Amino acid sequence: MSLLATVQTLAFGHANAVQANEAIAAAREERGSEQSLAISYELALPALDPDTWLQTRALPKLVYFLDCRGAKLPHTPGVFVSLFTADELLFVDAGALVQAIAESRGLTLAEVVRRYGDGGAGDPALLGP
């Protein structure tokens, strides 16, 4: 199963991209608390090789964002990802998305925070020419 297919199974909601603003506003209200609306972290998947893009481009930035907010993965209350695909808009819990991407790369949550969290070291340098 592709990473994108796995992410689709994790979605707590779906919407047509044409109604994105209304759908995101409704999800923010639904996932928020009495004190504040939830935060939507928005990602637009490329048409070509979305799995690799999620693993190499989206994961580091999302982990950094969550770590700076003080989230203790996989728990990310009040934060979800609005993921624009070629066909639809998916809503996925941010912690569940990080966990799925990390697992697809063979990484633990502790390792992704060490690499990409605030003050992280990044990916190990590649050896060779």
N, C-alpha and C. Protein backbone atom coordinates (compact mmCIF):
# COMPACT_ATOMS: atom_id res chain seq x y z
N MET A 1 0.85 -1.18 0.00
CA MET A 1 0.00 0.00 0.00
C MET A 1 0.90 1.24 0.00
N SER A 2 0.57 2.19 -0.82
CA SER A 2 1.36 3.43 -0.88
C SER A 2 1.13 4.25 0.39
N LEU A 3 2.06 5.14 0.66
CA LEU A 3 1.92 6.03 1.80
C LEU A 3 0.66 6.87 1.67
N LEU A 4 0.40 7.39 0.48
CA LEU A 4 -0.80 8.21 0.29
C LEU A 4 -2.06 7.40 0.58
N ALA A 5 -2.10 6.15 0.17
CA ALA A 5 -3.26 5.30 0.47
C ALA A 5 -3.42 5.12 1.97
N THR A 6 -2.32 4.96 2.68
CA THR A 6 -2.36 4.85 4.14
C THR A 6 -2.90 6.13 4.75
N VAL A 7 -2.42 7.26 4.27
CA VAL A 7 -2.87 8.56 4.79
C VAL A 7 -4.37 8.72 4.54
N GLN A 8 -4.85 8.29 3.40
CA GLN A 8 -6.28 8.40 3.10
C GLN A 8 -7.12 7.62 4.10
N THR A 9 -6.60 6.49 4.59
CA THR A 9 -7.35 5.71 5.59
C THR A 9 -7.37 6.40 6.95
N LEU A 10 -6.41 7.28 7.20
CA LEU A 10 -6.33 8.00 8.47
C LEU A 10 -7.21 9.24 8.51
N ALA A 11 -7.71 9.67 7.38
CA ALA A 11 -8.46 10.92 7.30
C ALA A 11 -9.73 10.87 8.16
N PHE A 12 -9.94 11.91 8.94
CA PHE A 12 -11.18 12.01 9.71
C PHE A 12 -12.25 12.78 8.94
N GLY A 13 -11.88 13.33 7.78
CA GLY A 13 -12.84 14.04 6.95
C GLY A 13 -12.33 14.23 5.55
N HIS A 14 -13.26 14.43 4.64
CA HIS A 14 -12.96 14.65 3.23
C HIS A 14 -13.82 15.82 2.75
N ALA A 15 -13.32 16.53 1.76
CA ALA A 15 -14.10 17.62 1.18
C ALA A 15 -13.66 17.83 -0.26
N ASN A 16 -14.52 18.48 -1.00
CA ASN A 16 -14.18 18.88 -2.35
C ASN A 16 -13.32 20.13 -2.24
N ALA A 17 -12.23 20.19 -2.99
CA ALA A 17 -11.31 21.33 -2.89
C ALA A 17 -12.00 22.65 -3.20
N VAL A 18 -13.06 22.63 -3.97
CA VAL A 18 -13.79 23.86 -4.31
C VAL A 18 -14.38 24.50 -3.05
N GLN A 19 -14.75 23.68 -2.09
CA GLN A 19 -15.32 24.19 -0.82
C GLN A 19 -14.28 24.21 0.30
N ALA A 20 -13.00 24.34 -0.04
CA ALA A 20 -11.91 24.22 0.93
C ALA A 20 -12.06 25.20 2.09
N ASN A 21 -12.31 26.46 1.81
CA ASN A 21 -12.39 27.45 2.89
C ASN A 21 -13.48 27.10 3.90
N GLU A 22 -14.65 26.75 3.42
CA GLU A 22 -15.75 26.39 4.31
C GLU A 22 -15.45 25.10 5.07
N ALA A 23 -14.89 24.12 4.38
CA ALA A 23 -14.60 22.83 5.00
C ALA A 23 -13.51 22.97 6.07
N ILE A 24 -12.47 23.74 5.79
CA ILE A 24 -11.41 23.94 6.76
C ILE A 24 -11.94 24.70 7.98
N ALA A 25 -12.76 25.71 7.76
CA ALA A 25 -13.35 26.45 8.87
C ALA A 25 -14.20 25.53 9.75
N ALA A 26 -14.97 24.66 9.13
CA ALA A 26 -15.80 23.72 9.89
C ALA A 26 -14.93 22.73 10.67
N ALA A 27 -13.85 22.24 10.06
CA ALA A 27 -12.96 21.31 10.75
C ALA A 27 -12.24 22.00 11.91
N ARG A 28 -11.85 23.25 11.74
CA ARG A 28 -11.20 24.01 12.82
C ARG A 28 -12.13 24.15 14.02
N GLU A 29 -13.39 24.41 13.72
CA GLU A 29 -14.37 24.54 14.79
C GLU A 29 -14.62 23.20 15.47
N GLU A 30 -14.80 22.17 14.67
CA GLU A 30 -15.08 20.83 15.18
C GLU A 30 -13.93 20.28 16.03
N ARG A 31 -12.69 20.49 15.61
CA ARG A 31 -11.52 19.93 16.29
C ARG A 31 -10.97 20.85 17.38
N GLY A 32 -11.50 22.06 17.47
CA GLY A 32 -11.02 23.01 18.46
C GLY A 32 -11.64 22.78 19.83
N SER A 33 -11.33 23.68 20.72
CA SER A 33 -11.87 23.62 22.08
C SER A 33 -12.81 24.81 22.28
N GLU A 34 -13.36 24.88 23.47
CA GLU A 34 -14.23 26.02 23.77
C GLU A 34 -13.44 27.33 23.78
N GLN A 35 -12.14 27.24 24.07
CA GLN A 35 -11.32 28.43 24.16
C GLN A 35 -10.77 28.90 22.81
N SER A 36 -10.52 27.96 21.89
CA SER A 36 -9.93 28.37 20.62
C SER A 36 -10.21 27.36 19.50
N LEU A 37 -10.12 27.87 18.29
CA LEU A 37 -10.28 27.01 17.12
C LEU A 37 -9.01 26.18 16.93
N ALA A 38 -9.15 25.04 16.31
CA ALA A 38 -7.99 24.21 15.98
C ALA A 38 -7.19 24.89 14.87
N ILE A 39 -5.95 24.46 14.71
CA ILE A 39 -5.07 24.99 13.68
C ILE A 39 -5.03 24.02 12.52
N SER A 40 -5.19 24.55 11.33
CA SER A 40 -5.08 23.76 10.11
C SER A 40 -3.71 24.00 9.49
N TYR A 41 -2.90 22.94 9.39
CA TYR A 41 -1.60 22.99 8.72
C TYR A 41 -1.87 22.49 7.31
N GLU A 42 -1.71 23.35 6.34
CA GLU A 42 -2.13 23.02 4.97
C GLU A 42 -0.97 22.58 4.09
N LEU A 43 -1.19 21.46 3.41
CA LEU A 43 -0.21 20.90 2.48
C LEU A 43 -0.89 20.61 1.15
N ALA A 44 -0.21 20.91 0.06
CA ALA A 44 -0.70 20.60 -1.28
C ALA A 44 0.25 19.57 -1.89
N LEU A 45 -0.25 18.35 -2.09
CA LEU A 45 0.58 17.28 -2.63
C LEU A 45 0.88 17.52 -4.10
N PRO A 46 2.10 17.25 -4.52
CA PRO A 46 2.40 17.31 -5.95
C PRO A 46 1.79 16.09 -6.64
N ALA A 47 1.54 16.22 -7.92
CA ALA A 47 0.96 15.10 -8.68
C ALA A 47 1.96 13.97 -8.86
N LEU A 48 3.23 14.30 -8.99
CA LEU A 48 4.25 13.28 -9.20
C LEU A 48 4.91 12.88 -7.89
N ASP A 49 4.93 11.60 -7.61
CA ASP A 49 5.60 11.00 -6.46
C ASP A 49 5.23 11.66 -5.13
N PRO A 50 3.94 11.65 -4.78
CA PRO A 50 3.54 12.29 -3.52
C PRO A 50 4.12 11.60 -2.29
N ASP A 51 4.36 10.28 -2.35
CA ASP A 51 4.92 9.59 -1.19
C ASP A 51 6.30 10.13 -0.83
N THR A 52 7.16 10.26 -1.81
CA THR A 52 8.51 10.78 -1.56
C THR A 52 8.45 12.22 -1.07
N TRP A 53 7.57 13.01 -1.63
CA TRP A 53 7.41 14.40 -1.20
C TRP A 53 7.00 14.46 0.27
N LEU A 54 6.04 13.61 0.68
CA LEU A 54 5.63 13.59 2.08
C LEU A 54 6.80 13.21 2.99
N GLN A 55 7.59 12.23 2.56
CA GLN A 55 8.70 11.73 3.36
C GLN A 55 9.87 12.71 3.47
N THR A 56 10.16 13.42 2.39
CA THR A 56 11.36 14.25 2.37
C THR A 56 11.12 15.74 2.53
N ARG A 57 9.99 16.21 2.12
CA ARG A 57 9.72 17.65 2.18
C ARG A 57 8.73 18.01 3.29
N ALA A 58 7.62 17.29 3.36
CA ALA A 58 6.58 17.65 4.33
C ALA A 58 6.95 17.26 5.75
N LEU A 59 7.51 16.06 5.94
CA LEU A 59 7.81 15.58 7.29
C LEU A 59 8.70 16.53 8.08
N PRO A 60 9.86 16.95 7.56
CA PRO A 60 10.72 17.84 8.36
C PRO A 60 10.02 19.14 8.78
N LYS A 61 9.30 19.75 7.88
CA LYS A 61 8.64 21.03 8.19
C LYS A 61 7.50 20.85 9.19
N LEU A 62 6.73 19.78 9.02
CA LEU A 62 5.61 19.53 9.93
C LEU A 62 6.11 19.21 11.33
N VAL A 63 7.14 18.39 11.44
CA VAL A 63 7.70 18.05 12.76
C VAL A 63 8.26 19.31 13.43
N TYR A 64 8.97 20.14 12.68
CA TYR A 64 9.51 21.38 13.24
C TYR A 64 8.38 22.27 13.76
N PHE A 65 7.33 22.43 12.98
CA PHE A 65 6.18 23.24 13.37
C PHE A 65 5.57 22.71 14.67
N LEU A 66 5.34 21.41 14.72
CA LEU A 66 4.71 20.82 15.90
C LEU A 66 5.61 20.91 17.12
N ASP A 67 6.90 20.66 16.94
CA ASP A 67 7.84 20.73 18.06
C ASP A 67 7.92 22.15 18.61
N CYS A 68 7.92 23.14 17.74
CA CYS A 68 7.95 24.53 18.19
C CYS A 68 6.68 24.92 18.95
N ARG A 69 5.60 24.23 18.67
CA ARG A 69 4.33 24.47 19.38
C ARG A 69 4.27 23.70 20.69
N GLY A 70 5.27 22.85 20.95
CA GLY A 70 5.30 22.09 22.19
C GLY A 70 4.55 20.77 22.14
N ALA A 71 4.18 20.33 20.95
CA ALA A 71 3.46 19.06 20.82
C ALA A 71 4.38 17.90 21.18
N LYS A 72 3.85 16.93 21.88
CA LYS A 72 4.57 15.72 22.24
C LYS A 72 4.00 14.58 21.39
N LEU A 73 4.64 14.37 20.25
CA LEU A 73 4.15 13.38 19.28
C LEU A 73 3.95 12.01 19.94
N PRO A 74 2.89 11.33 19.59
CA PRO A 74 1.95 11.57 18.51
C PRO A 74 0.76 12.44 18.90
N HIS A 75 0.79 13.03 20.10
CA HIS A 75 -0.34 13.83 20.57
C HIS A 75 -0.23 15.26 20.07
N THR A 76 -1.19 15.66 19.26
CA THR A 76 -1.19 17.01 18.68
C THR A 76 -2.58 17.63 18.81
N PRO A 77 -3.07 17.79 20.02
CA PRO A 77 -4.42 18.34 20.17
C PRO A 77 -4.52 19.73 19.56
N GLY A 78 -5.60 19.93 18.85
CA GLY A 78 -5.85 21.24 18.27
C GLY A 78 -5.11 21.52 16.98
N VAL A 79 -4.41 20.52 16.41
CA VAL A 79 -3.71 20.71 15.15
C VAL A 79 -4.04 19.54 14.22
N PHE A 80 -4.47 19.87 13.04
CA PHE A 80 -4.73 18.86 12.02
C PHE A 80 -4.13 19.33 10.71
N VAL A 81 -4.00 18.40 9.77
CA VAL A 81 -3.45 18.73 8.45
C VAL A 81 -4.57 18.72 7.44
N SER A 82 -4.65 19.80 6.67
CA SER A 82 -5.54 19.87 5.51
C SER A 82 -4.68 19.53 4.31
N LEU A 83 -4.90 18.36 3.76
CA LEU A 83 -4.04 17.82 2.71
C LEU A 83 -4.78 17.86 1.37
N PHE A 84 -4.31 18.73 0.50
CA PHE A 84 -4.90 18.86 -0.82
C PHE A 84 -4.26 17.83 -1.74
N THR A 85 -5.07 16.91 -2.26
CA THR A 85 -4.59 15.94 -3.25
C THR A 85 -5.13 16.37 -4.61
N ALA A 86 -4.82 15.60 -5.63
CA ALA A 86 -5.31 15.92 -6.98
C ALA A 86 -6.83 15.81 -7.04
N ASP A 87 -7.41 14.96 -6.18
CA ASP A 87 -8.85 14.69 -6.27
C ASP A 87 -9.70 15.31 -5.17
N GLU A 88 -9.10 15.56 -4.00
CA GLU A 88 -9.92 16.01 -2.88
C GLU A 88 -9.07 16.67 -1.81
N LEU A 89 -9.74 17.11 -0.79
CA LEU A 89 -9.11 17.68 0.40
C LEU A 89 -9.35 16.68 1.53
N LEU A 90 -8.26 16.26 2.18
CA LEU A 90 -8.34 15.33 3.29
C LEU A 90 -7.99 16.05 4.59
N PHE A 91 -8.64 15.67 5.66
CA PHE A 91 -8.31 16.18 6.98
C PHE A 91 -7.75 15.03 7.80
N VAL A 92 -6.51 15.22 8.30
CA VAL A 92 -5.82 14.16 9.03
C VAL A 92 -5.23 14.74 10.31
N ASP A 93 -5.36 14.02 11.41
CA ASP A 93 -4.72 14.43 12.65
C ASP A 93 -3.22 14.56 12.41
N ALA A 94 -2.62 15.66 12.83
CA ALA A 94 -1.21 15.92 12.55
C ALA A 94 -0.29 14.84 13.12
N GLY A 95 -0.56 14.39 14.33
CA GLY A 95 0.27 13.36 14.95
C GLY A 95 0.18 12.04 14.22
N ALA A 96 -1.01 11.68 13.79
CA ALA A 96 -1.20 10.43 13.03
C ALA A 96 -0.48 10.50 11.70
N LEU A 97 -0.49 11.67 11.07
CA LEU A 97 0.20 11.82 9.79
C LEU A 97 1.71 11.70 9.99
N VAL A 98 2.27 12.36 10.99
CA VAL A 98 3.70 12.26 11.25
C VAL A 98 4.07 10.81 11.52
N GLN A 99 3.27 10.13 12.31
CA GLN A 99 3.57 8.75 12.65
C GLN A 99 3.56 7.86 11.40
N ALA A 100 2.59 8.04 10.53
CA ALA A 100 2.52 7.24 9.30
C ALA A 100 3.71 7.50 8.39
N ILE A 101 4.07 8.77 8.24
CA ILE A 101 5.22 9.10 7.38
C ILE A 101 6.51 8.55 7.99
N ALA A 102 6.67 8.73 9.30
CA ALA A 102 7.88 8.23 9.97
C ALA A 102 8.00 6.72 9.81
N GLU A 103 6.91 6.01 10.01
CA GLU A 103 6.93 4.55 9.86
C GLU A 103 7.29 4.15 8.43
N SER A 104 6.80 4.91 7.46
CA SER A 104 7.11 4.57 6.06
C SER A 104 8.60 4.74 5.77
N ARG A 105 9.28 5.55 6.56
CA ARG A 105 10.73 5.75 6.41
C ARG A 105 11.54 4.89 7.37
N GLY A 106 10.85 4.12 8.20
CA GLY A 106 11.55 3.28 9.17
C GLY A 106 12.11 4.07 10.34
N LEU A 107 11.49 5.19 10.67
CA LEU A 107 11.94 6.05 11.76
C LEU A 107 10.96 6.03 12.92
N THR A 108 11.47 6.21 14.12
CA THR A 108 10.61 6.37 15.28
C THR A 108 10.23 7.83 15.43
N LEU A 109 9.22 8.09 16.26
CA LEU A 109 8.84 9.48 16.52
C LEU A 109 9.97 10.22 17.23
N ALA A 110 10.65 9.55 18.13
CA ALA A 110 11.78 10.19 18.82
C ALA A 110 12.87 10.59 17.82
N GLU A 111 13.11 9.74 16.83
CA GLU A 111 14.13 10.05 15.83
C GLU A 111 13.72 11.23 14.96
N VAL A 112 12.44 11.31 14.56
CA VAL A 112 12.05 12.44 13.71
C VAL A 112 12.11 13.75 14.48
N VAL A 113 11.81 13.71 15.77
CA VAL A 113 11.93 14.93 16.58
C VAL A 113 13.41 15.30 16.73
N ARG A 114 14.28 14.30 16.95
CA ARG A 114 15.71 14.58 17.06
C ARG A 114 16.25 15.19 15.78
N ARG A 115 15.77 14.70 14.64
CA ARG A 115 16.25 15.21 13.35
C ARG A 115 15.64 16.55 12.97
N TYR A 116 14.34 16.68 13.14
CA TYR A 116 13.63 17.81 12.55
C TYR A 116 13.01 18.77 13.56
N GLY A 117 13.03 18.44 14.83
CA GLY A 117 12.48 19.33 15.83
C GLY A 117 13.33 20.58 15.97
N ASP A 118 12.90 21.49 16.83
CA ASP A 118 13.63 22.73 17.07
C ASP A 118 15.04 22.38 17.52
N GLY A 119 16.04 22.85 16.81
CA GLY A 119 17.43 22.54 17.12
C GLY A 119 17.88 21.19 16.60
N GLY A 120 17.06 20.59 15.74
CA GLY A 120 17.37 19.26 15.22
C GLY A 120 18.59 19.26 14.31
N ALA A 121 19.14 18.07 14.14
CA ALA A 121 20.35 17.89 13.34
C ALA A 121 20.07 17.67 11.87
N GLY A 122 18.82 17.42 11.50
CA GLY A 122 18.49 17.14 10.11
C GLY A 122 18.82 15.70 9.76
N ASP A 123 18.71 15.38 8.49
CA ASP A 123 19.03 14.03 8.03
C ASP A 123 20.53 13.81 8.09
N PRO A 124 20.95 12.57 8.37
CA PRO A 124 22.39 12.29 8.36
C PRO A 124 22.98 12.57 6.98
N ALA A 125 24.23 13.00 6.97
CA ALA A 125 24.90 13.25 5.70
C ALA A 125 25.09 11.93 4.96
N LEU A 126 24.94 11.98 3.64
CA LEU A 126 25.16 10.81 2.82
C LEU A 126 26.65 10.60 2.60
N LEU A 127 27.07 9.36 2.66
CA LEU A 127 28.47 9.05 2.41
C LEU A 127 28.68 8.76 0.94
N GLY A 128 29.86 9.01 0.46
CA GLY A 128 30.16 8.72 -0.94
C GLY A 128 30.50 9.96 -1.71
N PRO A 129 30.77 9.77 -3.01
CA PRO A 129 31.20 10.89 -3.84
C PRO A 129 30.11 11.90 -4.09
